[in-house]
Amino acid sequence: MDIGTPVFGPELLAGMVSMSRVITFLTDFGSFYLSQMKGVILQRTTDVVFVEISTDIPPQDVRSGAFALMVASRYFPQGTIHIAVVDPGVGTERAAICVESGGHIFLGPDNGLLMPAARSLGSPVAWILDVPENASPTFHGRDIFAPAAAELICGASPEDIGTPFEPEDLDLGSPRVFANGIEVDVIYVDNFGNVVLNMRDLPESDLMLMGRRLRRVRTYGEAGWNESLITLGSHGFAEIAVNGGSAAELFGISTGDKILLEDVSCSE
């Protein structure tokens, strides 16, 4: 054997990945708790590829989690299992569910978290999962969703692990047009302080927000340093940003806020 040849070449590694199922994770509770969920799955099977979409969704921010899951899930292959846990109602009467859509499977709480992603991929079908008597009332990610994912990886179908169910939806909403501008909802704030809106189309001209002009640009660097701007993000939604700064801090806005984008002609 040529000792200069890697034991695991690119072709072999690609084949290993293609034979394994992908499980993604989206949570608001960091890596310590997530490691326990991975351990539960690995006790059942090691034929799996783990991908962390995000472990730092703002605590209990279901809307931000739903947006992040919707944007990221579309880039994974069919057959992927997505475990999403942003769960303020853990241990209460809220259901634990499995949702299938577009060849993807989603596991998580019935609080709307899964539904924007599921709807974006196809026509969702949902099942309610049983809650084991020994499940921790504060950690369903480890004791319900991770075991369910392991069962699915090992060959079970959603019908085998759940009962048909009508899940709670979450609507990110649409812009509302008024005489003096457009009212929009803030649906996500990223680590740069860029403010993502529930608006998919940009107006033709600059806008005003709280007395500041938002320059309409193709990308951030087209604005001047510390200049406020509005652009269409890579996720397909409009976002407000500050070149070199944080729009969230500048305007004092966060996820769930409603803001009015004023037409420049109405503000001057």
Protein backbone atom coordinates (compact mmCIF):
# COMPACT_ATOMS: atom_id res chain seq x y z
CA MET A 1 0.00 0.00 0.00
CA ASP A 2 1.21 3.49 -0.82
CA ILE A 3 1.79 5.05 2.61
CA GLY A 4 1.24 8.46 1.04
CA THR A 5 -2.40 7.65 0.22
CA PRO A 6 -4.90 8.73 2.90
CA VAL A 7 -6.85 5.83 4.41
CA PHE A 8 -10.05 7.90 4.11
CA GLY A 9 -9.93 9.58 0.73
CA PRO A 10 -12.54 12.09 -0.48
CA GLU A 11 -14.43 9.46 -2.48
CA LEU A 12 -14.69 7.07 0.48
CA LEU A 13 -15.72 9.83 2.86
CA ALA A 14 -18.38 11.01 0.41
CA GLY A 15 -19.71 7.46 0.20
CA MET A 16 -19.82 7.14 3.97
CA VAL A 17 -21.82 10.36 4.27
CA SER A 18 -24.21 9.37 1.49
CA MET A 19 -25.04 6.10 3.29
CA SER A 20 -25.74 7.86 6.58
CA ARG A 21 -28.90 9.71 7.55
CA VAL A 22 -28.65 13.36 8.50
CA ILE A 23 -30.07 14.73 11.75
CA THR A 24 -30.05 18.48 12.29
CA PHE A 25 -30.53 20.31 15.57
CA LEU A 26 -31.95 23.74 16.28
CA THR A 27 -32.19 24.79 19.92
CA ASP A 28 -31.97 27.70 22.32
CA PHE A 29 -30.06 25.81 25.02
CA GLY A 30 -26.45 25.50 23.84
CA SER A 31 -24.18 22.49 23.53
CA PHE A 32 -24.32 20.92 27.04
CA TYR A 33 -27.91 19.74 26.76
CA LEU A 34 -27.52 19.01 23.05
CA SER A 35 -24.69 16.57 23.76
CA GLN A 36 -27.11 14.47 25.82
CA MET A 37 -29.54 14.30 22.90
CA LYS A 38 -26.76 13.15 20.59
CA GLY A 39 -25.71 10.52 23.11
CA VAL A 40 -29.24 9.09 23.23
CA ILE A 41 -29.25 8.71 19.45
CA LEU A 42 -25.74 7.23 19.31
CA GLN A 43 -26.77 4.53 21.78
CA ARG A 44 -29.12 3.28 19.07
CA THR A 45 -27.08 3.92 15.94
CA THR A 46 -23.81 5.47 14.83
CA ASP A 47 -24.86 5.53 11.18
CA VAL A 48 -25.78 9.19 11.37
CA VAL A 49 -24.43 12.62 10.49
CA PHE A 50 -25.18 15.39 13.00
CA VAL A 51 -25.49 19.00 11.83
CA GLU A 52 -26.21 21.90 14.16
CA ILE A 53 -28.34 24.53 12.44
CA SER A 54 -28.18 26.65 15.58
CA THR A 55 -27.80 26.12 19.32
CA ASP A 56 -28.05 29.80 20.20
CA ILE A 57 -31.55 30.84 19.20
CA PRO A 58 -32.56 33.55 21.71
CA PRO A 59 -34.08 31.81 24.74
CA GLN A 60 -37.77 30.94 24.27
CA ASP A 61 -37.92 32.87 20.99
CA VAL A 62 -40.11 30.54 18.96
CA ARG A 63 -40.49 32.98 16.06
CA SER A 64 -36.73 33.33 15.56
CA GLY A 65 -36.32 29.57 15.77
CA ALA A 66 -39.07 28.99 13.22
CA PHE A 67 -37.47 31.43 10.79
CA ALA A 68 -34.00 29.91 11.14
CA LEU A 69 -35.34 26.38 10.67
CA MET A 70 -37.33 27.43 7.61
CA VAL A 71 -34.35 29.07 5.96
CA ALA A 72 -31.84 26.31 6.71
CA SER A 73 -33.88 23.14 6.21
CA ARG A 74 -34.34 23.69 2.48
CA TYR A 75 -30.63 23.11 1.90
CA PHE A 76 -30.62 19.58 3.32
CA PRO A 77 -31.32 16.41 1.32
CA GLN A 78 -34.61 14.55 1.44
CA GLY A 79 -34.60 12.05 4.26
CA THR A 80 -33.12 14.54 6.72
CA ILE A 81 -34.58 14.54 10.23
CA HIS A 82 -34.75 17.96 11.88
CA ILE A 83 -35.00 18.15 15.69
CA ALA A 84 -36.01 21.63 16.79
CA VAL A 85 -36.44 22.53 20.45
CA VAL A 86 -37.38 26.07 21.43
CA ASP A 87 -39.94 25.11 23.98
CA PRO A 88 -41.25 27.55 26.62
CA GLY A 89 -44.14 25.14 27.27
CA VAL A 90 -42.06 22.03 27.94
CA GLY A 91 -43.78 19.68 30.38
CA THR A 92 -47.18 21.32 30.01
CA GLU A 93 -50.15 20.09 27.99
CA ARG A 94 -48.56 21.21 24.71
CA ALA A 95 -48.08 18.21 22.42
CA ALA A 96 -44.85 16.67 21.18
CA ILE A 97 -45.11 16.14 17.43
CA CYS A 98 -43.57 14.67 14.30
CA VAL A 99 -44.21 16.42 10.98
CA GLU A 100 -43.38 15.10 7.51
CA SER A 101 -43.18 17.39 4.49
CA GLY A 102 -41.33 17.28 1.20
CA GLY A 103 -39.35 14.20 2.19
CA HIS A 104 -38.12 15.81 5.43
CA ILE A 105 -39.15 14.91 8.98
CA PHE A 106 -39.41 17.44 11.79
CA LEU A 107 -39.55 16.62 15.50
CA GLY A 108 -40.34 19.19 18.17
CA PRO A 109 -42.96 20.89 20.33
CA ASP A 110 -46.40 21.79 19.01
CA ASN A 111 -45.96 25.55 19.36
CA GLY A 112 -45.65 26.51 15.68
CA LEU A 113 -41.86 26.15 15.63
CA LEU A 114 -41.82 23.46 12.94
CA MET A 115 -44.59 24.66 10.67
CA PRO A 116 -43.08 27.50 8.56
CA ALA A 117 -40.26 25.13 7.56
CA ALA A 118 -42.63 22.24 6.90
CA ARG A 119 -44.97 24.40 4.81
CA SER A 120 -42.06 25.79 2.81
CA LEU A 121 -41.10 22.26 1.71
CA GLY A 122 -44.51 20.85 0.83
CA SER A 123 -47.81 19.81 2.39
CA PRO A 124 -47.22 18.92 6.04
CA VAL A 125 -48.68 15.84 7.71
CA ALA A 126 -48.35 15.58 11.48
CA TRP A 127 -48.47 12.98 14.24
CA ILE A 128 -48.59 13.39 18.03
CA LEU A 129 -45.96 11.48 20.00
CA ASP A 130 -46.51 9.65 23.26
CA VAL A 131 -44.77 11.06 26.32
CA PRO A 132 -43.07 8.26 28.30
CA GLU A 133 -43.83 8.19 32.01
CA ASN A 134 -40.13 8.51 32.82
CA ALA A 135 -39.59 11.51 30.54
CA SER A 136 -38.22 14.56 32.30
CA PRO A 137 -40.87 17.32 32.36
CA THR A 138 -38.10 19.84 31.62
CA PHE A 139 -36.16 18.04 28.86
CA HIS A 140 -38.32 16.57 26.11
CA GLY A 141 -35.48 17.07 23.64
CA ARG A 142 -33.52 14.27 25.29
CA ASP A 143 -36.38 12.02 26.40
CA ILE A 144 -38.89 12.28 23.53
CA PHE A 145 -37.46 13.87 20.38
CA ALA A 146 -34.01 12.23 20.38
CA PRO A 147 -35.42 8.70 20.93
CA ALA A 148 -38.01 9.33 18.21
CA ALA A 149 -35.25 10.38 15.81
CA ALA A 150 -33.30 7.22 16.64
CA GLU A 151 -36.35 5.08 15.90
CA LEU A 152 -36.82 6.81 12.54
CA ILE A 153 -33.15 6.37 11.67
CA CYS A 154 -33.43 2.67 12.49
CA GLY A 155 -36.32 2.17 10.06
CA ALA A 156 -39.54 3.21 11.80
CA SER A 157 -41.99 5.47 9.98
CA PRO A 158 -43.86 8.44 11.49
CA GLU A 159 -47.00 6.29 11.51
CA ASP A 160 -45.18 3.78 13.72
CA ILE A 161 -44.29 6.29 16.41
CA GLY A 162 -47.28 8.65 16.45
CA THR A 163 -50.99 9.25 15.98
CA PRO A 164 -52.39 11.63 13.29
CA PHE A 165 -52.67 15.14 14.66
CA GLU A 166 -53.55 18.70 13.62
CA PRO A 167 -50.60 20.88 14.69
CA GLU A 168 -50.55 24.47 15.83
CA ASP A 169 -49.41 26.80 13.06
CA LEU A 170 -47.21 29.89 13.15
CA ASP A 171 -47.75 32.57 10.54
CA LEU A 172 -44.89 35.00 9.99
CA GLY A 173 -47.43 37.43 8.55
CA SER A 174 -47.29 39.83 5.62
CA PRO A 175 -46.56 43.57 5.24
CA ARG A 176 -49.48 45.95 5.69
CA VAL A 177 -49.60 48.95 3.37
CA PHE A 178 -50.80 52.31 4.68
CA ALA A 179 -50.98 55.75 3.11
CA ASN A 180 -47.71 56.83 4.72
CA GLY A 181 -45.74 53.60 4.48
CA ILE A 182 -45.53 49.88 5.19
CA GLU A 183 -45.97 48.21 8.56
CA VAL A 184 -43.85 45.06 8.93
CA ASP A 185 -42.96 42.57 11.65
CA VAL A 186 -39.44 41.81 12.82
CA ILE A 187 -39.04 38.04 12.48
CA TYR A 188 -35.32 37.59 13.21
CA VAL A 189 -32.27 39.49 14.39
CA ASP A 190 -28.90 37.97 13.48
CA ASN A 191 -25.56 38.20 15.28
CA PHE A 192 -24.65 41.34 13.34
CA GLY A 193 -27.77 43.12 14.54
CA ASN A 194 -29.34 42.92 11.07
CA VAL A 195 -33.12 43.05 11.41
CA VAL A 196 -35.03 40.62 9.19
CA LEU A 197 -38.58 41.59 8.20
CA ASN A 198 -41.57 39.59 6.99
CA MET A 199 -41.28 41.32 3.61
CA ARG A 200 -39.96 39.60 0.50
CA ASP A 201 -39.97 42.55 -1.92
CA LEU A 202 -38.12 45.83 -1.60
CA PRO A 203 -39.75 49.14 -2.52
CA GLU A 204 -38.20 50.96 -5.47
CA SER A 205 -36.80 53.81 -3.37
CA ASP A 206 -35.27 54.60 0.01
CA LEU A 207 -37.40 54.41 3.14
CA MET A 208 -37.44 56.12 6.54
CA LEU A 209 -37.47 54.46 9.95
CA MET A 210 -37.76 56.51 13.14
CA GLY A 211 -36.55 59.60 11.32
CA ARG A 212 -33.55 57.90 9.70
CA ARG A 213 -33.23 57.23 6.01
CA LEU A 214 -32.75 53.59 5.00
CA ARG A 215 -30.75 53.53 1.80
CA ARG A 216 -31.98 50.85 -0.60
CA VAL A 217 -28.92 48.83 -1.67
CA ARG A 218 -28.01 45.53 -3.30
CA THR A 219 -25.50 44.63 -0.57
CA TYR A 220 -24.19 46.12 2.67
CA GLY A 221 -20.96 47.59 1.29
CA GLU A 222 -22.85 49.83 -1.13
CA ALA A 223 -23.87 51.97 1.86
CA GLY A 224 -21.47 54.33 3.57
CA TRP A 225 -19.79 53.40 6.86
CA ASN A 226 -22.37 53.48 9.69
CA GLU A 227 -25.09 54.28 7.17
CA SER A 228 -28.52 52.68 7.69
CA LEU A 229 -29.73 50.56 4.80
CA ILE A 230 -32.36 48.13 3.62
CA THR A 231 -31.54 45.20 1.35
CA LEU A 232 -32.79 41.78 0.34
CA GLY A 233 -30.93 39.18 2.40
CA SER A 234 -29.63 35.84 1.18
CA HIS A 235 -32.66 34.20 2.84
CA GLY A 236 -35.02 36.06 0.50
CA PHE A 237 -36.42 38.49 3.09
CA ALA A 238 -35.84 42.22 3.45
CA GLU A 239 -33.49 43.23 6.22
CA ILE A 240 -32.50 46.49 7.83
CA ALA A 241 -28.80 46.84 8.57
CA VAL A 242 -26.11 49.36 9.43
CA ASN A 243 -22.86 49.08 7.50
CA GLY A 244 -20.34 48.44 10.26
CA GLY A 245 -22.91 48.60 13.05
CA SER A 246 -26.03 47.05 14.52
CA ALA A 247 -29.47 48.08 13.29
CA ALA A 248 -31.10 46.33 16.23
CA GLU A 249 -29.12 48.47 18.69
CA LEU A 250 -29.46 51.69 16.70
CA PHE A 251 -33.24 51.47 16.43
CA GLY A 252 -33.85 49.58 19.68
CA ILE A 253 -35.94 46.85 18.04
CA SER A 254 -36.14 43.10 18.50
CA THR A 255 -37.96 40.02 17.24
CA GLY A 256 -41.75 40.39 17.35
CA ASP A 257 -41.76 44.19 17.09
CA LYS A 258 -43.93 45.94 14.53
CA ILE A 259 -42.30 48.88 12.76
CA LEU A 260 -43.45 51.41 10.19
CA LEU A 261 -41.26 51.94 7.13
CA GLU A 262 -42.22 55.36 5.86
CA ASP A 263 -42.10 56.50 2.28
CA VAL A 264 -39.37 59.11 1.95
CA SER A 265 -41.70 61.49 0.12
CA CYS A 266 -44.10 61.39 3.09
CA SER A 267 -41.33 62.20 5.57
CA GLU A 268 -39.66 65.14 3.87
